[in-house]
């Protein structure tokens, strides 16, 4: 009898320990504003932080999508010898507005015929979407990528001028959201 109680108790402690380690995509963000959230302390690839300008709602509408519910935004600008990366953090009125912003932004990109436009990934427990794009540089088409996701009522957009999506993914990991 004591062995059964001990086993049940051990199992309960094990389950509690495992459940604490689970990550909730809607877990509380630290008490920070958009400027704080767009600053990454330990950047990969020797990226240097150049600044965090505040961005108007009109600018967000022009750069991304004109979605209702934008409260404020900030863009962290990072640069290395190899690339420039922007982390844009957009505060929305509520979670539904943030969900809608992400979906409306993704809808601005048509599907590719020969490969996936959108790749759903999990980065450190956070569900994110990688958007595959092409742009013309020096007369040639080159790959470019954008990572977008929302957490609570915040939308995060990571984009840069690199043709290596893992470079951006490393930055998403470093951002820690």
N, C-alpha and C. Protein backbone atom coordinates (compact mmCIF):
# COMPACT_ATOMS: atom_id res chain seq x y z
N UNK A 1 0.82 -1.19 0.00
CA UNK A 1 0.00 0.00 0.00
C UNK A 1 0.87 1.26 0.00
N UNK A 2 1.91 1.25 0.86
CA UNK A 2 2.81 2.39 0.91
C UNK A 2 3.52 2.58 -0.42
N UNK A 3 3.82 1.47 -1.09
CA UNK A 3 4.49 1.54 -2.39
C UNK A 3 3.58 2.21 -3.42
N UNK A 4 2.29 1.88 -3.42
CA UNK A 4 1.34 2.50 -4.35
C UNK A 4 1.24 4.00 -4.09
N UNK A 5 1.15 4.39 -2.83
CA UNK A 5 1.06 5.81 -2.48
C UNK A 5 2.32 6.53 -2.91
N UNK A 6 3.47 5.90 -2.68
CA UNK A 6 4.74 6.50 -3.08
C UNK A 6 4.82 6.65 -4.60
N UNK A 7 4.35 5.65 -5.33
CA UNK A 7 4.36 5.72 -6.80
C UNK A 7 3.42 6.81 -7.30
N UNK A 8 2.24 6.92 -6.72
CA UNK A 8 1.29 7.95 -7.12
C UNK A 8 1.85 9.33 -6.82
N UNK A 9 2.44 9.48 -5.66
CA UNK A 9 3.05 10.75 -5.29
C UNK A 9 4.20 11.11 -6.23
N UNK A 10 5.05 10.14 -6.55
CA UNK A 10 6.16 10.37 -7.48
C UNK A 10 5.65 10.75 -8.86
N UNK A 11 4.62 10.05 -9.32
CA UNK A 11 4.04 10.36 -10.63
C UNK A 11 3.45 11.77 -10.64
N UNK A 12 2.78 12.15 -9.56
CA UNK A 12 2.20 13.49 -9.48
C UNK A 12 3.27 14.57 -9.52
N UNK A 13 4.36 14.36 -8.80
CA UNK A 13 5.46 15.33 -8.80
C UNK A 13 6.08 15.41 -10.19
N UNK A 14 6.25 14.27 -10.85
CA UNK A 14 6.80 14.25 -12.20
C UNK A 14 5.91 15.02 -13.17
N UNK A 15 4.61 14.81 -13.11
CA UNK A 15 3.68 15.50 -14.01
C UNK A 15 3.69 17.01 -13.74
N UNK A 16 3.75 17.39 -12.49
CA UNK A 16 3.81 18.81 -12.14
C UNK A 16 5.08 19.44 -12.69
N UNK A 17 6.19 18.74 -12.55
CA UNK A 17 7.47 19.25 -13.06
C UNK A 17 7.42 19.41 -14.58
N UNK A 18 6.87 18.43 -15.28
CA UNK A 18 6.78 18.52 -16.74
C UNK A 18 5.86 19.64 -17.18
N UNK A 19 4.75 19.82 -16.47
CA UNK A 19 3.81 20.87 -16.89
C UNK A 19 4.39 22.26 -16.67
N UNK A 20 5.25 22.44 -15.69
CA UNK A 20 5.88 23.74 -15.47
C UNK A 20 6.79 24.09 -16.63
N UNK A 21 7.40 23.08 -17.25
CA UNK A 21 8.32 23.32 -18.36
C UNK A 21 7.64 23.63 -19.67
N UNK A 22 6.33 23.45 -19.77
CA UNK A 22 5.63 23.74 -21.02
C UNK A 22 5.57 25.24 -21.25
N UNK A 23 5.60 25.62 -22.51
CA UNK A 23 5.57 27.04 -22.86
C UNK A 23 4.22 27.36 -23.47
N UNK A 24 3.62 28.40 -22.99
CA UNK A 24 2.34 28.88 -23.49
C UNK A 24 2.60 30.07 -24.40
N UNK A 25 2.15 29.98 -25.65
CA UNK A 25 2.38 31.07 -26.60
C UNK A 25 1.72 32.37 -26.16
N UNK A 26 0.79 32.28 -25.23
CA UNK A 26 0.12 33.49 -24.76
C UNK A 26 0.56 33.85 -23.35
N UNK A 27 1.73 33.32 -22.93
CA UNK A 27 2.18 33.66 -21.59
C UNK A 27 2.47 35.15 -21.51
N UNK A 28 2.42 35.65 -20.29
CA UNK A 28 2.61 37.09 -20.07
C UNK A 28 3.98 37.54 -20.53
N UNK A 29 4.01 38.63 -21.24
CA UNK A 29 5.27 39.27 -21.61
C UNK A 29 5.73 40.10 -20.42
N UNK A 30 7.02 40.32 -20.33
CA UNK A 30 7.50 41.20 -19.26
C UNK A 30 6.81 42.56 -19.35
N UNK A 31 6.73 43.26 -18.24
CA UNK A 31 6.10 44.58 -18.22
C UNK A 31 7.01 45.57 -18.93
N UNK A 32 6.89 45.63 -20.26
CA UNK A 32 7.75 46.46 -21.09
C UNK A 32 6.89 47.15 -22.15
N UNK A 33 7.40 48.26 -22.68
CA UNK A 33 6.71 48.91 -23.78
C UNK A 33 7.32 48.44 -25.10
N UNK A 34 6.78 48.93 -26.22
CA UNK A 34 7.24 48.45 -27.53
C UNK A 34 8.71 48.76 -27.77
N UNK A 35 9.18 49.88 -27.27
CA UNK A 35 10.60 50.22 -27.45
C UNK A 35 11.48 49.21 -26.70
N UNK A 36 11.10 48.88 -25.48
CA UNK A 36 11.85 47.88 -24.72
C UNK A 36 11.82 46.52 -25.41
N UNK A 37 10.64 46.14 -25.91
CA UNK A 37 10.50 44.84 -26.56
C UNK A 37 11.27 44.75 -27.88
N UNK A 38 11.55 45.88 -28.50
CA UNK A 38 12.29 45.86 -29.77
C UNK A 38 13.80 45.94 -29.57
N UNK A 39 14.24 45.92 -28.32
CA UNK A 39 15.68 45.91 -28.02
C UNK A 39 16.11 44.50 -27.63
N UNK A 40 17.10 43.97 -28.33
CA UNK A 40 17.63 42.64 -28.06
C UNK A 40 19.03 42.81 -27.48
N UNK A 41 19.22 42.27 -26.29
CA UNK A 41 20.50 42.45 -25.58
C UNK A 41 21.63 41.66 -26.22
N UNK A 42 21.48 40.34 -26.29
CA UNK A 42 22.55 39.47 -26.77
C UNK A 42 22.25 39.04 -28.20
N UNK A 43 22.68 39.84 -29.15
CA UNK A 43 22.38 39.57 -30.55
C UNK A 43 23.37 38.56 -31.13
N UNK A 44 22.90 37.71 -32.04
CA UNK A 44 23.80 36.77 -32.71
C UNK A 44 24.52 37.47 -33.87
N UNK A 45 25.50 36.80 -34.42
CA UNK A 45 26.18 37.23 -35.65
C UNK A 45 26.79 38.63 -35.54
N UNK A 46 27.20 39.01 -34.35
CA UNK A 46 27.86 40.29 -34.12
C UNK A 46 27.03 41.48 -34.61
N UNK A 47 25.73 41.36 -34.48
CA UNK A 47 24.84 42.46 -34.85
C UNK A 47 24.96 43.58 -33.82
N UNK A 48 25.08 44.79 -34.30
CA UNK A 48 25.17 45.97 -33.44
C UNK A 48 23.82 46.68 -33.44
N UNK A 49 23.37 47.06 -32.27
CA UNK A 49 22.10 47.78 -32.14
C UNK A 49 22.32 49.24 -32.54
N UNK A 50 21.57 49.72 -33.54
CA UNK A 50 21.74 51.09 -34.03
C UNK A 50 20.71 52.06 -33.49
N UNK A 51 19.58 51.56 -32.99
CA UNK A 51 18.56 52.46 -32.46
C UNK A 51 17.19 51.83 -32.46
N UNK A 52 16.24 52.56 -31.85
CA UNK A 52 14.85 52.11 -31.74
C UNK A 52 13.89 53.26 -32.00
N UNK A 53 13.73 53.65 -33.24
CA UNK A 53 12.79 54.74 -33.49
C UNK A 53 11.34 54.30 -33.28
N UNK A 54 10.54 55.21 -32.76
CA UNK A 54 9.10 54.99 -32.66
C UNK A 54 8.52 55.15 -34.05
N UNK A 55 7.53 54.34 -34.36
CA UNK A 55 6.94 54.34 -35.70
C UNK A 55 5.46 54.68 -35.57
N UNK A 56 4.97 55.52 -36.45
CA UNK A 56 3.56 55.91 -36.40
C UNK A 56 2.67 54.78 -36.93
N UNK A 57 1.41 54.83 -36.54
CA UNK A 57 0.44 53.88 -37.06
C UNK A 57 0.30 53.97 -38.57
N UNK A 58 0.40 55.19 -39.12
CA UNK A 58 0.34 55.36 -40.58
C UNK A 58 1.51 54.67 -41.26
N UNK A 59 2.68 54.76 -40.66
CA UNK A 59 3.86 54.11 -41.22
C UNK A 59 3.70 52.58 -41.20
N UNK A 60 3.15 52.06 -40.11
CA UNK A 60 2.90 50.61 -40.02
C UNK A 60 1.90 50.20 -41.10
N UNK A 61 0.85 51.01 -41.28
CA UNK A 61 -0.15 50.72 -42.31
C UNK A 61 0.49 50.71 -43.70
N UNK A 62 1.42 51.63 -43.96
CA UNK A 62 2.08 51.68 -45.27
C UNK A 62 3.09 50.56 -45.45
N UNK A 63 3.84 50.22 -44.39
CA UNK A 63 4.88 49.21 -44.49
C UNK A 63 4.34 47.78 -44.46
N UNK A 64 3.25 47.56 -43.74
CA UNK A 64 2.76 46.20 -43.55
C UNK A 64 1.32 46.04 -44.04
N UNK A 65 0.38 46.46 -43.21
CA UNK A 65 -1.03 46.34 -43.56
C UNK A 65 -1.82 47.36 -42.75
N UNK A 66 -2.85 47.90 -43.35
CA UNK A 66 -3.69 48.89 -42.68
C UNK A 66 -4.78 48.15 -41.91
N UNK A 67 -4.42 47.68 -40.73
CA UNK A 67 -5.34 46.92 -39.90
C UNK A 67 -5.80 47.78 -38.72
N UNK A 68 -7.06 47.65 -38.34
CA UNK A 68 -7.54 48.43 -37.19
C UNK A 68 -6.92 47.93 -35.89
N UNK A 69 -6.79 48.83 -34.93
CA UNK A 69 -6.35 48.44 -33.59
C UNK A 69 -4.90 48.69 -33.27
N UNK A 70 -4.16 49.39 -34.15
CA UNK A 70 -2.76 49.68 -33.86
C UNK A 70 -2.69 50.74 -32.77
N UNK A 71 -1.94 50.46 -31.70
CA UNK A 71 -1.78 51.40 -30.59
C UNK A 71 -0.48 52.18 -30.76
N UNK A 72 0.64 51.47 -30.82
CA UNK A 72 1.95 52.10 -31.02
C UNK A 72 2.92 51.05 -31.54
N UNK A 73 4.07 51.51 -32.03
CA UNK A 73 5.06 50.58 -32.58
C UNK A 73 6.46 51.16 -32.43
N UNK A 74 7.43 50.25 -32.44
CA UNK A 74 8.84 50.63 -32.39
C UNK A 74 9.61 49.64 -33.25
N UNK A 75 10.71 50.11 -33.81
CA UNK A 75 11.54 49.25 -34.65
C UNK A 75 12.97 49.27 -34.13
N UNK A 76 13.47 48.10 -33.77
CA UNK A 76 14.87 47.94 -33.42
C UNK A 76 15.66 47.69 -34.68
N UNK A 77 16.73 48.46 -34.87
CA UNK A 77 17.56 48.32 -36.07
C UNK A 77 18.91 47.76 -35.64
N UNK A 78 19.32 46.69 -36.31
CA UNK A 78 20.55 45.98 -35.98
C UNK A 78 21.35 45.77 -37.26
N UNK A 79 22.69 45.88 -37.15
CA UNK A 79 23.51 45.76 -38.34
C UNK A 79 24.82 45.04 -38.01
N UNK A 80 25.26 44.23 -38.97
CA UNK A 80 26.58 43.61 -38.91
C UNK A 80 27.23 43.83 -40.27
N UNK A 81 28.41 43.27 -40.45
CA UNK A 81 29.07 43.38 -41.75
C UNK A 81 28.27 42.66 -42.84
N UNK A 82 27.49 41.64 -42.43
CA UNK A 82 26.79 40.80 -43.39
C UNK A 82 25.34 41.19 -43.66
N UNK A 83 24.70 41.87 -42.72
CA UNK A 83 23.26 42.10 -42.88
C UNK A 83 22.77 43.23 -41.98
N UNK A 84 21.57 43.69 -42.32
CA UNK A 84 20.82 44.61 -41.46
C UNK A 84 19.50 43.93 -41.15
N UNK A 85 19.12 43.95 -39.89
CA UNK A 85 17.89 43.31 -39.45
C UNK A 85 17.04 44.34 -38.72
N UNK A 86 15.73 44.27 -38.96
CA UNK A 86 14.77 45.12 -38.26
C UNK A 86 13.84 44.22 -37.45
N UNK A 87 13.65 44.58 -36.19
CA UNK A 87 12.65 43.94 -35.34
C UNK A 87 11.60 45.00 -35.05
N UNK A 88 10.43 44.83 -35.65
CA UNK A 88 9.33 45.77 -35.44
C UNK A 88 8.35 45.14 -34.46
N UNK A 89 8.04 45.88 -33.41
CA UNK A 89 7.07 45.43 -32.41
C UNK A 89 5.89 46.38 -32.47
N UNK A 90 4.70 45.81 -32.67
CA UNK A 90 3.48 46.59 -32.84
C UNK A 90 2.52 46.21 -31.72
N UNK A 91 2.15 47.18 -30.91
CA UNK A 91 1.14 46.93 -29.88
C UNK A 91 -0.23 47.14 -30.50
N UNK A 92 -1.08 46.14 -30.33
CA UNK A 92 -2.45 46.21 -30.83
C UNK A 92 -3.40 46.37 -29.64
N UNK A 93 -4.65 46.74 -29.92
CA UNK A 93 -5.63 46.96 -28.86
C UNK A 93 -5.91 45.70 -28.05
N UNK A 94 -5.93 44.54 -28.72
CA UNK A 94 -6.23 43.29 -28.03
C UNK A 94 -5.66 42.11 -28.82
N UNK A 95 -5.81 40.91 -28.28
CA UNK A 95 -5.27 39.72 -28.92
C UNK A 95 -5.91 39.49 -30.28
N UNK A 96 -7.21 39.69 -30.39
CA UNK A 96 -7.90 39.48 -31.67
C UNK A 96 -7.36 40.43 -32.74
N UNK A 97 -7.09 41.68 -32.38
CA UNK A 97 -6.51 42.63 -33.33
C UNK A 97 -5.13 42.16 -33.79
N UNK A 98 -4.34 41.61 -32.85
CA UNK A 98 -3.01 41.11 -33.20
C UNK A 98 -3.11 39.91 -34.13
N UNK A 99 -4.03 38.98 -33.83
CA UNK A 99 -4.25 37.82 -34.72
C UNK A 99 -4.65 38.29 -36.12
N UNK A 100 -5.58 39.24 -36.17
CA UNK A 100 -6.05 39.75 -37.46
C UNK A 100 -4.94 40.44 -38.24
N UNK A 101 -4.09 41.21 -37.55
CA UNK A 101 -2.98 41.89 -38.21
C UNK A 101 -2.08 40.88 -38.91
N UNK A 102 -1.71 39.81 -38.20
CA UNK A 102 -0.83 38.78 -38.78
C UNK A 102 -1.50 38.15 -40.00
N UNK A 103 -2.76 37.77 -39.87
CA UNK A 103 -3.45 37.12 -40.99
C UNK A 103 -3.62 38.06 -42.18
N UNK A 104 -3.96 39.32 -41.92
CA UNK A 104 -4.11 40.29 -43.01
C UNK A 104 -2.78 40.56 -43.70
N UNK A 105 -1.71 40.62 -42.93
CA UNK A 105 -0.38 40.83 -43.53
C UNK A 105 0.01 39.65 -44.41
N UNK A 106 -0.22 38.44 -43.92
CA UNK A 106 0.10 37.25 -44.72
C UNK A 106 -0.74 37.21 -46.00
N UNK A 107 -1.96 37.71 -45.92
CA UNK A 107 -2.85 37.69 -47.09
C UNK A 107 -2.37 38.62 -48.20
N UNK A 108 -1.44 39.54 -47.90
CA UNK A 108 -0.92 40.44 -48.94
C UNK A 108 0.07 39.73 -49.86
N UNK A 109 0.47 38.52 -49.52
CA UNK A 109 1.43 37.76 -50.32
C UNK A 109 0.72 36.63 -51.06
N UNK A 110 0.79 36.61 -52.38
CA UNK A 110 0.20 35.48 -53.11
C UNK A 110 1.06 34.23 -52.94
N UNK A 111 0.45 33.08 -53.12
CA UNK A 111 1.18 31.81 -53.04
C UNK A 111 2.16 31.70 -54.20
N UNK A 112 3.27 30.98 -53.98
CA UNK A 112 4.20 30.65 -55.05
C UNK A 112 3.68 29.42 -55.79
N UNK A 113 4.08 29.28 -57.05
CA UNK A 113 3.70 28.09 -57.81
C UNK A 113 4.61 26.90 -57.51
N UNK A 114 5.89 27.18 -57.24
CA UNK A 114 6.86 26.09 -57.16
C UNK A 114 7.43 25.84 -55.76
N UNK A 115 7.03 26.61 -54.76
CA UNK A 115 7.50 26.38 -53.40
C UNK A 115 6.55 27.06 -52.42
N UNK A 116 6.74 26.76 -51.17
CA UNK A 116 5.86 27.31 -50.14
C UNK A 116 6.18 28.78 -49.87
N UNK A 117 5.18 29.61 -49.84
CA UNK A 117 5.34 31.01 -49.48
C UNK A 117 5.48 31.13 -47.96
N UNK A 118 4.68 30.33 -47.24
CA UNK A 118 4.66 30.41 -45.78
C UNK A 118 5.15 29.10 -45.18
N UNK A 119 6.02 29.22 -44.20
CA UNK A 119 6.52 28.05 -43.48
C UNK A 119 6.24 28.29 -42.00
N UNK A 120 5.42 27.40 -41.43
CA UNK A 120 5.11 27.50 -40.00
C UNK A 120 6.23 26.80 -39.23
N UNK A 121 6.81 27.50 -38.27
CA UNK A 121 7.91 26.97 -37.47
C UNK A 121 7.63 27.21 -36.00
N UNK A 122 8.37 26.50 -35.17
CA UNK A 122 8.36 26.76 -33.74
C UNK A 122 9.77 27.14 -33.34
N UNK A 123 9.91 28.31 -32.75
CA UNK A 123 11.21 28.80 -32.30
C UNK A 123 11.14 28.99 -30.79
N UNK A 124 11.88 28.18 -30.08
CA UNK A 124 11.89 28.23 -28.61
C UNK A 124 10.47 28.22 -28.03
N UNK A 125 9.63 27.35 -28.57
CA UNK A 125 8.28 27.19 -28.06
C UNK A 125 7.26 28.17 -28.60
N UNK A 126 7.69 29.11 -29.41
CA UNK A 126 6.78 30.13 -29.98
C UNK A 126 6.47 29.76 -31.43
N UNK A 127 5.19 29.70 -31.78
CA UNK A 127 4.79 29.46 -33.17
C UNK A 127 5.00 30.74 -33.97
N UNK A 128 5.77 30.62 -35.05
CA UNK A 128 6.06 31.77 -35.92
C UNK A 128 5.84 31.36 -37.36
N UNK A 129 5.66 32.35 -38.22
CA UNK A 129 5.54 32.10 -39.66
C UNK A 129 6.72 32.74 -40.36
N UNK A 130 7.39 31.95 -41.20
CA UNK A 130 8.43 32.49 -42.06
C UNK A 130 7.80 32.74 -43.42
N UNK A 131 7.92 33.96 -43.90
CA UNK A 131 7.41 34.32 -45.22
C UNK A 131 8.59 34.34 -46.18
N UNK A 132 8.53 33.50 -47.20
CA UNK A 132 9.58 33.45 -48.22
C UNK A 132 9.25 34.45 -49.31
N UNK A 133 10.24 35.27 -49.69
CA UNK A 133 10.03 36.31 -50.69
C UNK A 133 11.21 36.33 -51.66
N UNK A 134 11.03 37.03 -52.74
CA UNK A 134 12.12 37.33 -53.68
C UNK A 134 12.18 38.83 -53.85
N UNK A 135 13.38 39.34 -54.07
CA UNK A 135 13.55 40.75 -54.40
C UNK A 135 14.67 40.85 -55.42
N UNK A 136 14.68 41.93 -56.16
CA UNK A 136 15.73 42.15 -57.15
C UNK A 136 16.86 42.95 -56.53
N UNK A 137 18.07 42.40 -56.63
CA UNK A 137 19.27 43.07 -56.15
C UNK A 137 20.32 42.96 -57.25
N UNK A 138 20.75 44.11 -57.76
CA UNK A 138 21.76 44.10 -58.81
C UNK A 138 21.35 43.33 -60.05
N UNK A 139 20.07 43.37 -60.38
CA UNK A 139 19.59 42.69 -61.59
C UNK A 139 19.26 41.22 -61.40
N UNK A 140 19.47 40.68 -60.21
CA UNK A 140 19.16 39.27 -59.95
C UNK A 140 18.09 39.16 -58.87
N UNK A 141 17.30 38.09 -58.97
CA UNK A 141 16.34 37.81 -57.91
C UNK A 141 17.04 37.03 -56.80
N UNK A 142 16.85 37.49 -55.57
CA UNK A 142 17.46 36.83 -54.42
C UNK A 142 16.38 36.57 -53.36
N UNK A 143 16.63 35.54 -52.57
CA UNK A 143 15.71 35.21 -51.49
C UNK A 143 15.77 36.25 -50.38
N UNK A 144 14.63 36.53 -49.82
CA UNK A 144 14.51 37.35 -48.62
C UNK A 144 13.42 36.71 -47.76
N UNK A 145 13.48 36.99 -46.47
CA UNK A 145 12.58 36.32 -45.54
C UNK A 145 12.07 37.31 -44.49
N UNK A 146 10.89 37.02 -43.99
CA UNK A 146 10.31 37.76 -42.88
C UNK A 146 9.74 36.75 -41.91
N UNK A 147 10.00 36.95 -40.63
CA UNK A 147 9.34 36.16 -39.59
C UNK A 147 8.29 37.05 -38.94
N UNK A 148 7.10 36.49 -38.73
CA UNK A 148 6.03 37.24 -38.09
C UNK A 148 5.28 36.32 -37.13
N UNK A 149 4.90 36.88 -36.00
CA UNK A 149 4.08 36.17 -35.03
C UNK A 149 3.47 37.19 -34.07
N UNK A 150 2.49 36.72 -33.32
CA UNK A 150 1.96 37.59 -32.28
C UNK A 150 1.98 36.84 -30.96
N UNK A 151 2.14 37.61 -29.92
CA UNK A 151 2.07 37.10 -28.56
C UNK A 151 1.23 38.09 -27.79
N UNK A 152 0.13 37.59 -27.28
CA UNK A 152 -0.88 38.44 -26.66
C UNK A 152 -1.29 39.52 -27.67
N UNK A 153 -1.27 40.78 -27.27
CA UNK A 153 -1.71 41.85 -28.17
C UNK A 153 -0.52 42.52 -28.87
N UNK A 154 0.62 41.85 -28.95
CA UNK A 154 1.79 42.38 -29.65
C UNK A 154 2.07 41.56 -30.90
N UNK A 155 2.44 42.26 -31.96
CA UNK A 155 2.88 41.61 -33.20
C UNK A 155 4.37 41.87 -33.33
N UNK A 156 5.12 40.82 -33.68
CA UNK A 156 6.56 40.90 -33.87
C UNK A 156 6.88 40.58 -35.32
N UNK A 157 7.68 41.44 -35.95
CA UNK A 157 8.09 41.23 -37.34
C UNK A 157 9.61 41.35 -37.39
N UNK A 158 10.28 40.30 -37.87
CA UNK A 158 11.73 40.31 -38.04
C UNK A 158 12.01 40.14 -39.52
N UNK A 159 12.75 41.10 -40.08
CA UNK A 159 13.09 41.04 -41.50
C UNK A 159 14.48 41.62 -41.71
N UNK A 160 15.09 41.24 -42.81
CA UNK A 160 16.43 41.74 -43.07
C UNK A 160 16.84 41.54 -44.51
N UNK A 161 18.05 41.98 -44.81
CA UNK A 161 18.54 41.92 -46.19
C UNK A 161 19.50 40.75 -46.38
N UNK A 162 19.18 39.63 -45.79
CA UNK A 162 20.01 38.43 -45.93
C UNK A 162 19.25 37.37 -46.72
N UNK A 163 20.00 36.56 -47.47
CA UNK A 163 19.37 35.46 -48.20
C UNK A 163 19.45 34.16 -47.40
N UNK A 164 19.81 34.25 -46.13
CA UNK A 164 19.93 33.09 -45.25
C UNK A 164 18.88 33.21 -44.14
N UNK A 165 17.82 32.42 -44.26
CA UNK A 165 16.75 32.54 -43.26
C UNK A 165 17.23 32.13 -41.87
N UNK A 166 18.25 31.28 -41.77
CA UNK A 166 18.72 30.88 -40.44
C UNK A 166 19.35 32.05 -39.69
N UNK A 167 19.89 33.02 -40.42
CA UNK A 167 20.43 34.24 -39.82
C UNK A 167 19.31 34.96 -39.06
N UNK A 168 18.15 35.10 -39.73
CA UNK A 168 17.00 35.74 -39.09
C UNK A 168 16.43 34.88 -37.96
N UNK A 169 16.40 33.58 -38.18
CA UNK A 169 15.87 32.67 -37.15
C UNK A 169 16.71 32.76 -35.88
N UNK A 170 18.03 32.86 -36.03
CA UNK A 170 18.90 33.03 -34.86
C UNK A 170 18.55 34.31 -34.12
N UNK A 171 18.22 35.35 -34.86
CA UNK A 171 17.84 36.61 -34.23
C UNK A 171 16.50 36.47 -33.50
N UNK A 172 15.55 35.76 -34.11
CA UNK A 172 14.26 35.51 -33.46
C UNK A 172 14.49 34.78 -32.13
N UNK A 173 15.38 33.78 -32.14
CA UNK A 173 15.71 33.07 -30.89
C UNK A 173 16.29 34.02 -29.85
N UNK A 174 17.19 34.89 -30.29
CA UNK A 174 17.84 35.83 -29.36
C UNK A 174 16.84 36.82 -28.78
N UNK A 175 15.81 37.17 -29.57
CA UNK A 175 14.79 38.11 -29.08
C UNK A 175 14.06 37.52 -27.88
N UNK A 176 13.90 36.19 -27.87
CA UNK A 176 13.38 35.52 -26.69
C UNK A 176 11.90 35.62 -26.46
N UNK A 177 11.11 35.89 -27.47
CA UNK A 177 9.67 35.95 -27.29
C UNK A 177 9.05 34.69 -27.82
